[in-house]
Protein backbone atom coordinates (compact mmCIF):
# COMPACT_ATOMS: atom_id res chain seq x y z
CA UNK A 1 2.64 9.14 -27.29
CA UNK A 2 5.57 7.16 -26.46
CA UNK A 3 9.55 7.92 -27.88
CA UNK A 4 9.28 4.09 -29.21
CA UNK A 5 6.68 5.38 -32.26
CA UNK A 6 8.09 6.05 -35.09
CA UNK A 7 6.60 9.24 -36.78
CA UNK A 8 7.43 9.21 -40.38
CA UNK A 9 6.67 12.67 -42.21
CA UNK A 10 6.39 11.30 -45.75
CA UNK A 11 5.81 8.18 -47.79
CA UNK A 12 9.68 8.06 -48.54
CA UNK A 13 10.56 7.47 -44.78
CA UNK A 14 7.34 5.06 -44.15
CA UNK A 15 8.98 3.01 -46.64
CA UNK A 16 12.75 3.25 -45.45
CA UNK A 17 11.15 2.33 -42.04
CA UNK A 18 9.44 -1.31 -43.45
CA UNK A 19 12.45 -1.87 -45.33
CA UNK A 20 14.64 -1.66 -42.74
CA UNK A 21 12.19 -3.40 -39.95
CA UNK A 22 13.74 -6.79 -38.88
CA UNK A 23 10.48 -7.41 -36.41
CA UNK A 24 6.64 -6.99 -37.76
CA UNK A 25 5.73 -3.52 -37.95
CA UNK A 26 2.26 -1.96 -36.90
CA UNK A 27 1.24 0.88 -39.30
CA UNK A 28 -1.10 2.67 -37.73
CA UNK A 29 -2.71 5.18 -39.86
CA UNK A 30 -4.34 8.51 -38.65
CA UNK A 31 -6.25 11.42 -39.78
CA UNK A 32 -7.01 14.78 -38.67
CA UNK A 33 -10.48 15.08 -40.39
CA UNK A 34 -12.96 16.38 -38.08
CA UNK A 35 -14.98 12.64 -37.84
CA UNK A 36 -11.60 10.86 -37.75
CA UNK A 37 -9.32 13.22 -35.09
CA UNK A 38 -11.19 12.43 -31.63
CA UNK A 39 -11.00 8.38 -32.03
CA UNK A 40 -7.11 8.60 -33.27
CA UNK A 41 -6.23 11.00 -30.35
CA UNK A 42 -7.76 8.52 -28.09
CA UNK A 43 -5.58 5.79 -29.86
CA UNK A 44 -2.49 7.54 -29.34
CA UNK A 45 -1.94 6.91 -26.24
CA UNK A 46 -3.09 3.24 -26.49
CA UNK A 47 -0.44 3.04 -29.55
CA UNK A 48 2.09 4.47 -27.70
CA UNK A 49 1.53 2.28 -24.50
CA UNK A 50 1.22 -0.97 -26.92
CA UNK A 51 5.08 0.42 -28.74
CA UNK A 52 6.44 0.02 -24.98
CA UNK A 53 4.72 -3.24 -24.39
CA UNK A 54 5.59 -4.95 -27.32
CA UNK A 55 9.23 -3.10 -27.60
CA UNK A 56 11.88 -5.52 -29.24
CA UNK A 57 9.19 -7.84 -30.34
CA UNK A 58 7.19 -4.99 -32.65
CA UNK A 59 7.71 -1.63 -34.09
CA UNK A 60 5.07 1.05 -34.25
CA UNK A 61 4.66 3.67 -36.99
CA UNK A 62 2.50 6.07 -36.72
CA UNK A 63 1.50 7.08 -40.46
CA UNK A 64 -0.73 10.27 -41.81
CA UNK A 65 -3.34 8.87 -44.43
CA UNK A 66 -2.53 12.29 -46.00
CA UNK A 67 1.02 12.06 -46.07
CA UNK A 68 1.20 8.32 -46.87
CA UNK A 69 -1.01 7.85 -49.79
CA UNK A 70 0.86 5.14 -51.47
CA UNK A 71 0.75 2.76 -48.59
CA UNK A 72 -2.67 3.82 -47.42
CA UNK A 73 -3.88 2.37 -51.40
CA UNK A 74 -1.67 -0.79 -50.85
CA UNK A 75 -2.54 -1.32 -47.62
CA UNK A 76 -6.64 -0.91 -48.45
CA UNK A 77 -6.72 1.73 -45.51
CA UNK A 78 -10.36 3.30 -46.08
CA UNK A 79 -10.90 5.22 -42.76
CA UNK A 80 -8.74 6.25 -39.21
CA UNK A 81 -7.64 5.36 -37.00
CA UNK A 82 -6.72 1.86 -39.17
CA UNK A 83 -4.14 -0.52 -38.71
CA UNK A 84 -1.84 -2.91 -40.79
CA UNK A 85 0.30 -5.80 -38.83
CA UNK A 86 3.30 -5.93 -41.71
CA UNK A 87 5.91 -8.54 -41.72
CA UNK A 88 8.83 -8.31 -44.24
CA UNK A 89 5.85 -7.05 -46.68
CA UNK A 90 3.52 -9.47 -46.06
CA UNK A 91 0.28 -7.70 -44.93
CA UNK A 92 -0.37 -10.58 -41.29
CA UNK A 93 -3.77 -8.81 -40.56
CA UNK A 94 -5.72 -5.24 -40.41
CA UNK A 95 -8.22 -3.48 -37.97
CA UNK A 96 -9.87 -0.71 -38.02
CA UNK A 97 -11.62 2.12 -35.80
CA UNK A 98 -10.89 3.15 -32.25
CA UNK A 99 -10.53 -0.23 -30.06
CA UNK A 100 -9.89 -0.86 -26.28
CA UNK A 101 -6.10 -1.69 -25.05
CA UNK A 102 -7.46 -5.61 -24.53
CA UNK A 103 -8.54 -5.53 -28.20
CA UNK A 104 -5.51 -4.27 -29.45
CA UNK A 105 -3.26 -6.67 -27.49
CA UNK A 106 -5.42 -9.84 -28.48
CA UNK A 107 -5.11 -8.75 -32.22
CA UNK A 108 -1.53 -8.24 -31.26
CA UNK A 109 -0.95 -11.47 -30.02
CA UNK A 110 -3.01 -13.50 -32.31
CA UNK A 111 -0.77 -12.68 -35.14
CA UNK A 112 2.93 -12.06 -33.43
């Protein structure tokens, strides 16, 4: 995964990143339980590529569902992988499940 992807280790760090963001944030919520792990591992590469392509227009945050329960509840995340596009605290769009690069690009382009 690209170095441009923020990886908070706890909820407070996630909140700090959101508070300091001057561009929209793509919060990518992942999980490590068996049913989610394979899909999330597949999405990791894609999320890194998205961070590179949208550099300067978007901050990408890879958040562990187990370590960020507050944002998970607040944004209605029910599974992994899930995506929440946030701009200045407001949810612009949500998506869930693995998706091809073109679909994630279309998701972002429609809301940025």
